[in-house]
Structure formats: structure tokens, C-alpha cells
Amino acid sequence: MKRSPAVAGQFYQGTASKLTQQVRQYININAVKEHAIGILSPHAGLIYSGSVAGEVYSAIEFPKTFVLLGPNHTGLGPKISMMASGEWEIPTGVFSVDEKLSRKIASNTPIISTDANAHTFEHSLEVQLPFIAYFSTEPKIVPITVMSVSLEECRMLGEGIAKSIQSVIASSVERYSVVIVASSDMSHYVADDVARQKDKKAIEMIKSLNPEGLYTVVSRERISMCGYLPATIMLFAAKALGAIEARLIKYSTSGEVSGDYDQVVGYAGMIVK
């Protein structure tokens, strides 16, 4: 099965030449590449969040495979849905699903459903691909959407992904590496100063490599971070894979583009290593 782009021409430019040109303006050619276990990257329209996503992807060494974790905005499919085979297409490239890793994840994490329907119209993972394609169309992907899960289920999923990555690395003859992408925007439709204040609390939990703290503070402070579950899962996985540090690469709000600071969406780009 080949998944066609769902939001080309809406969240990002719909032709290869225009999309390459659009992404190029957000790339930092002077960024020092570093090894990452996981990243946090936003998924709004590129005009708003592209500068943050571009800084993150500019700063990482590209792996063999990206595990893409994103929120399920559409409500389609089961609560945890992995597309376990096939291809994803965008105007600038086609990405194959890493079936070796997806099979391991399905085996090690029974709470995951291998379901493609949840991915048909979902934008949170698709919007990551233009940045990946700008640097290379060689990496494979494992797309996973999350709708509603408990903290314990986040732990199970994160540790299951980590175990699967370790298993595939151990059995690979050639060099094999993975970056886990948590796709998330931050606070939604609040005043700019409120967004910055609330988002800082979530960002500090990620910087502390504290998945339990992130899960708790988002709920307690009512932070409208749409991908906090993917971010929590990514942190559990990264810690199981030996992560010792997380840092903020860039933060911005939509107000910096729209000029409307009364109702903004926040965007954070982070690297976990």
C-alpha cells in the first residue's frame, strides 16, 4: 500500500519544486550535526512551525530509520495505530516503512494495532517528511499514531520500541540507527505570554528526561500540548536507550508570523541524546 499525501497544498506546498524551496528557507546550513536518540518537532503548517522543525532536522545526524510518533487528530482507527508496511509519498519523495522494525515493535508491544486507516488523513506525521526528504529520501519510517493512552501504556510502548530497536541493531550486519520523532505542537489558542509560561513547564520536564513529570504537568496545568503522549512515549524509549541529555533547539509561537498575540499556538524543537 502506498499512502498518498493528505495535506499537500494545505500544510505545505503541493509541488516538488515549491516544497523544496519552502523547506530550504527553514534549514540552518551552519548547524552542527549531532547524534540524537529522539527529537520533538512541531506539525503545524510550515509557514508557522517550519522554522522550528527546520532547526531541529538541520541539527541531527540522519539515521537508517525514523520512528514517527504523533497524535491522532482524526479519531480514525484504534487508540495506538502503526502502519506496519507499505510506502508514504509526498511531492519530494517516497519513504518505505521499515518492516523489520515494525514487526519487532508489533511483537514486543501487543497494545499496538497494525492499522493503516488511522494514518489516511492524519497530518502530524506527514508534515515531518518534507524536512526529512530535504536531506535524504533514504531513511525508512515506522509511523505510529496515538489517540488516548495511560501513563503505564506510554511506558509499555516506549520501552517496547526501545527493546525492538536494540534487537534490530543487534541482528543487523550493516550499521543501523534510529531516531524517534515525537510530533507535537505546544499550547493552542491562548495569549502569547500564557503559552510561553505554560509551555516552559512542559519543556523543562522534557529537558529533565522526566516522562512521568511531562504527563502529569500537562494534565495538572491544562497545557493544550496535542502531542504530549507521543512525547512521553519518546522519553520512555530514549531513556531505555541510554539518553542522558535533552535540550531546547528553538521555541516560537504563531504570533511571530501572524502578528496575532492574543490567540497563538506554541512550537518547540528539542533534541534528546
Protein backbone atom coordinates (compact mmCIF):
# COMPACT_ATOMS: atom_id res chain seq x y z
CA MET A 1 0.00 0.00 0.00
CA LYS A 2 1.23 3.49 -0.86
CA ARG A 3 -0.14 6.28 1.32
CA SER A 4 -0.72 9.40 -0.77
CA PRO A 5 -0.17 12.82 0.78
CA ALA A 6 -3.22 14.08 2.68
CA VAL A 7 -2.25 17.71 3.34
CA ALA A 8 0.00 18.66 0.41
CA GLY A 9 -1.04 22.10 -0.82
CA GLN A 10 -2.52 22.88 2.60
CA PHE A 11 0.08 22.45 5.34
CA TYR A 12 2.93 22.71 2.85
CA GLN A 13 3.47 23.48 -0.84
CA GLY A 14 1.99 20.88 -3.17
CA THR A 15 4.65 20.57 -5.86
CA ALA A 16 8.20 19.26 -5.56
CA SER A 17 9.90 22.47 -6.68
CA LYS A 18 7.81 24.75 -4.48
CA LEU A 19 8.11 22.43 -1.48
CA THR A 20 11.90 22.22 -1.79
CA GLN A 21 12.04 26.00 -1.99
CA GLN A 22 9.73 26.34 1.01
CA VAL A 23 11.70 23.94 3.21
CA ARG A 24 15.05 25.44 2.17
CA GLN A 25 14.20 28.75 3.83
CA TYR A 26 13.91 26.97 7.20
CA ILE A 27 17.16 24.98 7.00
CA ASN A 28 20.19 26.08 9.01
CA ILE A 29 23.18 25.20 6.83
CA ASN A 30 25.56 26.15 9.66
CA ALA A 31 24.07 23.77 12.23
CA VAL A 32 26.47 21.26 13.76
CA LYS A 33 25.12 17.75 13.22
CA GLU A 34 24.79 15.68 16.39
CA HIS A 35 23.68 12.17 17.23
CA ALA A 36 20.10 12.11 18.51
CA ILE A 37 18.08 9.33 20.09
CA GLY A 38 14.86 11.32 19.91
CA ILE A 39 13.53 14.70 18.85
CA LEU A 40 10.45 16.84 19.47
CA SER A 41 9.24 18.56 16.30
CA PRO A 42 6.05 20.55 15.55
CA HIS A 43 3.49 19.74 12.86
CA ALA A 44 1.57 22.91 12.02
CA GLY A 45 1.51 24.49 8.59
CA LEU A 46 5.10 25.13 7.57
CA ILE A 47 4.52 28.87 7.40
CA TYR A 48 4.03 28.81 11.18
CA SER A 49 6.17 25.98 12.54
CA GLY A 50 8.64 25.37 9.73
CA SER A 51 11.38 27.50 11.26
CA VAL A 52 11.35 25.35 14.42
CA ALA A 53 11.19 21.99 12.63
CA GLY A 54 13.90 23.10 10.22
CA GLU A 55 16.30 23.94 13.03
CA VAL A 56 15.82 20.51 14.61
CA TYR A 57 16.28 18.47 11.43
CA SER A 58 19.26 20.63 10.45
CA ALA A 59 21.00 19.70 13.71
CA ILE A 60 20.79 15.87 13.67
CA GLU A 61 22.72 13.08 12.02
CA PHE A 62 20.30 11.20 9.83
CA PRO A 63 19.56 7.59 10.83
CA LYS A 64 18.64 4.46 8.94
CA THR A 65 15.05 4.74 10.24
CA PHE A 66 12.77 7.35 11.81
CA VAL A 67 10.13 6.07 14.23
CA LEU A 68 7.40 8.69 13.89
CA LEU A 69 5.08 9.14 16.89
CA GLY A 70 2.19 11.55 16.52
CA PRO A 71 -1.23 12.36 17.96
CA ASN A 72 -4.32 11.10 16.19
CA HIS A 73 -6.36 14.21 15.34
CA THR A 74 -8.93 12.46 13.13
CA GLY A 75 -10.30 9.86 15.55
CA LEU A 76 -9.98 7.13 12.92
CA GLY A 77 -8.68 3.71 13.89
CA PRO A 78 -7.71 2.24 17.28
CA LYS A 79 -6.02 4.20 20.02
CA ILE A 80 -2.48 3.11 19.05
CA SER A 81 -2.07 2.53 15.33
CA MET A 82 1.08 1.53 13.44
CA MET A 83 1.30 1.31 9.67
CA ALA A 84 3.48 -1.79 9.52
CA SER A 85 4.21 -1.97 5.78
CA GLY A 86 3.97 -0.02 2.55
CA GLU A 87 5.16 3.42 1.47
CA TRP A 88 4.42 7.07 2.20
CA GLU A 89 4.57 9.60 -0.59
CA ILE A 90 4.97 13.38 -0.55
CA PRO A 91 5.82 15.66 -3.50
CA THR A 92 9.56 15.46 -2.79
CA GLY A 93 9.97 11.75 -2.08
CA VAL A 94 8.68 8.29 -1.23
CA PHE A 95 9.52 6.64 2.09
CA SER A 96 9.30 2.90 2.73
CA VAL A 97 8.12 1.53 6.05
CA ASP A 98 10.87 -0.34 7.91
CA GLU A 99 9.10 -3.68 8.09
CA LYS A 100 11.85 -5.38 10.06
CA LEU A 101 11.49 -2.85 12.88
CA SER A 102 7.70 -2.60 12.65
CA ARG A 103 7.39 -6.38 13.05
CA LYS A 104 9.61 -6.26 16.14
CA ILE A 105 7.57 -3.43 17.64
CA ALA A 106 4.30 -5.28 16.99
CA SER A 107 5.76 -8.40 18.61
CA ASN A 108 7.17 -6.62 21.66
CA THR A 109 4.20 -4.29 22.20
CA PRO A 110 0.85 -6.08 21.99
CA ILE A 111 -1.11 -2.89 22.75
CA ILE A 112 -0.24 -1.62 19.26
CA SER A 113 -2.66 -2.28 16.39
CA THR A 114 -1.24 -2.64 12.90
CA ASP A 115 -3.80 -0.39 11.27
CA ALA A 116 -3.36 1.85 8.24
CA ASN A 117 -6.75 3.59 8.41
CA ALA A 118 -5.69 5.84 11.27
CA HIS A 119 -2.97 7.27 9.02
CA THR A 120 -5.05 8.02 5.93
CA PHE A 121 -5.88 11.65 6.72
CA GLU A 122 -3.63 12.34 9.73
CA HIS A 123 -1.21 15.25 9.22
CA SER A 124 1.02 15.10 12.33
CA LEU A 125 3.49 12.60 10.85
CA GLU A 126 3.20 13.63 7.21
CA VAL A 127 4.36 17.17 8.00
CA GLN A 128 7.69 15.77 9.27
CA LEU A 129 8.50 14.22 5.90
CA PRO A 130 9.31 17.37 3.86
CA PHE A 131 12.20 18.09 6.24
CA ILE A 132 13.45 14.51 6.14
CA ALA A 133 13.17 14.46 2.33
CA TYR A 134 15.13 17.71 2.03
CA PHE A 135 18.21 15.96 3.39
CA SER A 136 17.59 12.42 2.14
CA THR A 137 14.87 10.06 0.92
CA GLU A 138 16.92 7.04 2.00
CA PRO A 139 15.71 6.73 5.63
CA LYS A 140 12.84 4.36 6.25
CA ILE A 141 9.98 5.19 8.59
CA VAL A 142 7.74 3.49 11.17
CA PRO A 143 4.57 5.62 11.55
CA ILE A 144 2.62 5.33 14.82
CA THR A 145 -0.34 7.44 15.92
CA VAL A 146 -1.61 7.69 19.48
CA MET A 147 -5.12 8.73 20.45
CA SER A 148 -5.59 8.16 24.18
CA VAL A 149 -3.38 6.12 26.48
CA SER A 150 -2.48 5.95 30.17
CA LEU A 151 0.92 6.71 31.61
CA GLU A 152 1.57 3.00 32.05
CA GLU A 153 0.67 2.36 28.42
CA CYS A 154 3.09 5.14 27.41
CA ARG A 155 5.78 3.33 29.38
CA MET A 156 4.93 -0.02 27.79
CA LEU A 157 5.00 1.45 24.32
CA GLY A 158 8.20 3.42 24.84
CA GLU A 159 10.07 0.51 26.36
CA GLY A 160 8.71 -1.84 23.70
CA ILE A 161 10.00 0.46 20.95
CA ALA A 162 13.40 0.66 22.68
CA LYS A 163 13.62 -3.12 23.04
CA SER A 164 12.73 -3.52 19.36
CA ILE A 165 15.36 -1.02 18.25
CA GLN A 166 18.00 -2.76 20.34
CA SER A 167 17.02 -6.12 18.87
CA VAL A 168 17.22 -4.93 15.27
CA ILE A 169 20.56 -3.21 15.89
CA ALA A 170 21.96 -6.38 17.44
CA SER A 171 20.87 -8.51 14.48
CA SER A 172 21.98 -6.13 11.73
CA VAL A 173 25.16 -6.77 9.79
CA GLU A 174 25.35 -3.22 8.47
CA ARG A 175 25.23 -0.04 10.54
CA TYR A 176 21.69 0.54 11.80
CA SER A 177 20.46 3.61 13.65
CA VAL A 178 17.09 5.06 14.65
CA VAL A 179 15.77 8.49 15.65
CA ILE A 180 12.41 8.61 17.45
CA VAL A 181 10.36 11.66 16.44
CA ALA A 182 7.65 12.95 18.77
CA SER A 183 5.42 15.19 16.67
CA SER A 184 3.70 17.84 18.75
CA ASP A 185 2.63 21.45 18.84
CA MET A 186 2.55 23.12 22.23
CA SER A 187 -0.18 25.36 23.75
CA HIS A 188 -3.14 26.11 21.50
CA TYR A 189 -5.14 29.33 21.15
CA VAL A 190 -4.09 31.18 24.27
CA ALA A 191 -2.33 34.53 24.71
CA ASP A 192 1.35 34.52 23.79
CA ASP A 193 2.55 35.14 27.34
CA VAL A 194 0.32 32.34 28.67
CA ALA A 195 1.59 29.93 26.01
CA ARG A 196 5.20 30.69 26.86
CA GLN A 197 4.60 30.29 30.59
CA LYS A 198 2.74 27.00 30.27
CA ASP A 199 4.98 25.55 27.56
CA LYS A 200 8.07 26.25 29.61
CA LYS A 201 6.78 23.85 32.27
CA ALA A 202 6.40 21.05 29.72
CA ILE A 203 9.75 21.84 28.11
CA GLU A 204 11.50 21.66 31.48
CA MET A 205 10.13 18.16 32.04
CA ILE A 206 11.48 17.05 28.67
CA LYS A 207 14.84 18.66 29.43
CA SER A 208 14.85 16.72 32.70
CA LEU A 209 14.12 13.46 30.83
CA ASN A 210 11.06 13.07 33.02
CA PRO A 211 8.22 11.35 31.12
CA GLU A 212 6.10 10.94 34.25
CA GLY A 213 6.55 14.62 35.02
CA LEU A 214 5.58 15.64 31.49
CA TYR A 215 2.43 13.50 31.55
CA THR A 216 1.46 14.93 34.95
CA VAL A 217 2.24 18.60 34.36
CA VAL A 218 0.32 18.72 31.07
CA SER A 219 -2.76 17.38 32.84
CA ARG A 220 -2.35 19.42 36.02
CA GLU A 221 -1.63 22.73 34.29
CA ARG A 222 -4.08 22.07 31.45
CA ILE A 223 -1.43 22.60 28.82
CA SER A 224 -3.01 22.06 25.40
CA MET A 225 0.05 20.25 24.01
CA CYS A 226 -1.54 17.96 21.44
CA GLY A 227 1.39 15.52 21.22
CA TYR A 228 2.25 15.13 24.88
CA LEU A 229 1.52 11.40 24.70
CA PRO A 230 3.96 10.86 21.79
CA ALA A 231 6.50 13.00 23.66
CA THR A 232 6.02 10.94 26.83
CA ILE A 233 6.46 7.71 24.86
CA MET A 234 9.56 9.08 23.15
CA LEU A 235 11.10 9.95 26.52
CA PHE A 236 10.46 6.48 27.92
CA ALA A 237 12.05 4.96 24.82
CA ALA A 238 15.00 7.35 24.81
CA LYS A 239 15.75 6.69 28.47
CA ALA A 240 15.66 2.94 27.86
CA LEU A 241 18.13 3.52 25.01
CA GLY A 242 20.53 5.39 27.30
CA ALA A 243 19.63 9.06 26.82
CA ILE A 244 21.36 11.38 29.26
CA GLU A 245 20.55 14.85 27.96
CA ALA A 246 17.78 16.88 26.30
CA ARG A 247 17.92 20.45 25.12
CA LEU A 248 15.70 23.05 23.51
CA ILE A 249 16.80 23.99 19.99
CA LYS A 250 14.15 26.62 19.28
CA TYR A 251 10.80 27.85 20.59
CA SER A 252 8.37 30.19 18.85
CA THR A 253 4.67 30.96 18.61
CA SER A 254 2.37 31.57 15.66
CA GLY A 255 2.11 35.19 16.76
CA GLU A 256 5.60 35.81 15.39
CA VAL A 257 4.22 35.06 11.92
CA SER A 258 0.59 36.16 12.12
CA GLY A 259 1.05 39.20 14.35
CA ASP A 260 -1.86 37.99 16.49
CA TYR A 261 -0.51 37.54 20.01
CA ASP A 262 -3.92 37.07 21.62
CA GLN A 263 -4.55 33.58 20.20
CA VAL A 264 -1.33 31.71 19.48
CA VAL A 265 -0.03 28.17 19.08
CA GLY A 266 3.38 27.34 20.54
CA TYR A 267 6.11 25.32 18.82
CA ALA A 268 9.14 23.70 20.42
CA GLY A 269 12.01 21.87 18.77
CA MET A 270 14.13 19.66 21.04
CA ILE A 271 16.86 17.04 20.79
CA VAL A 272 17.22 14.09 23.19
CA LYS A 273 20.56 12.29 23.17
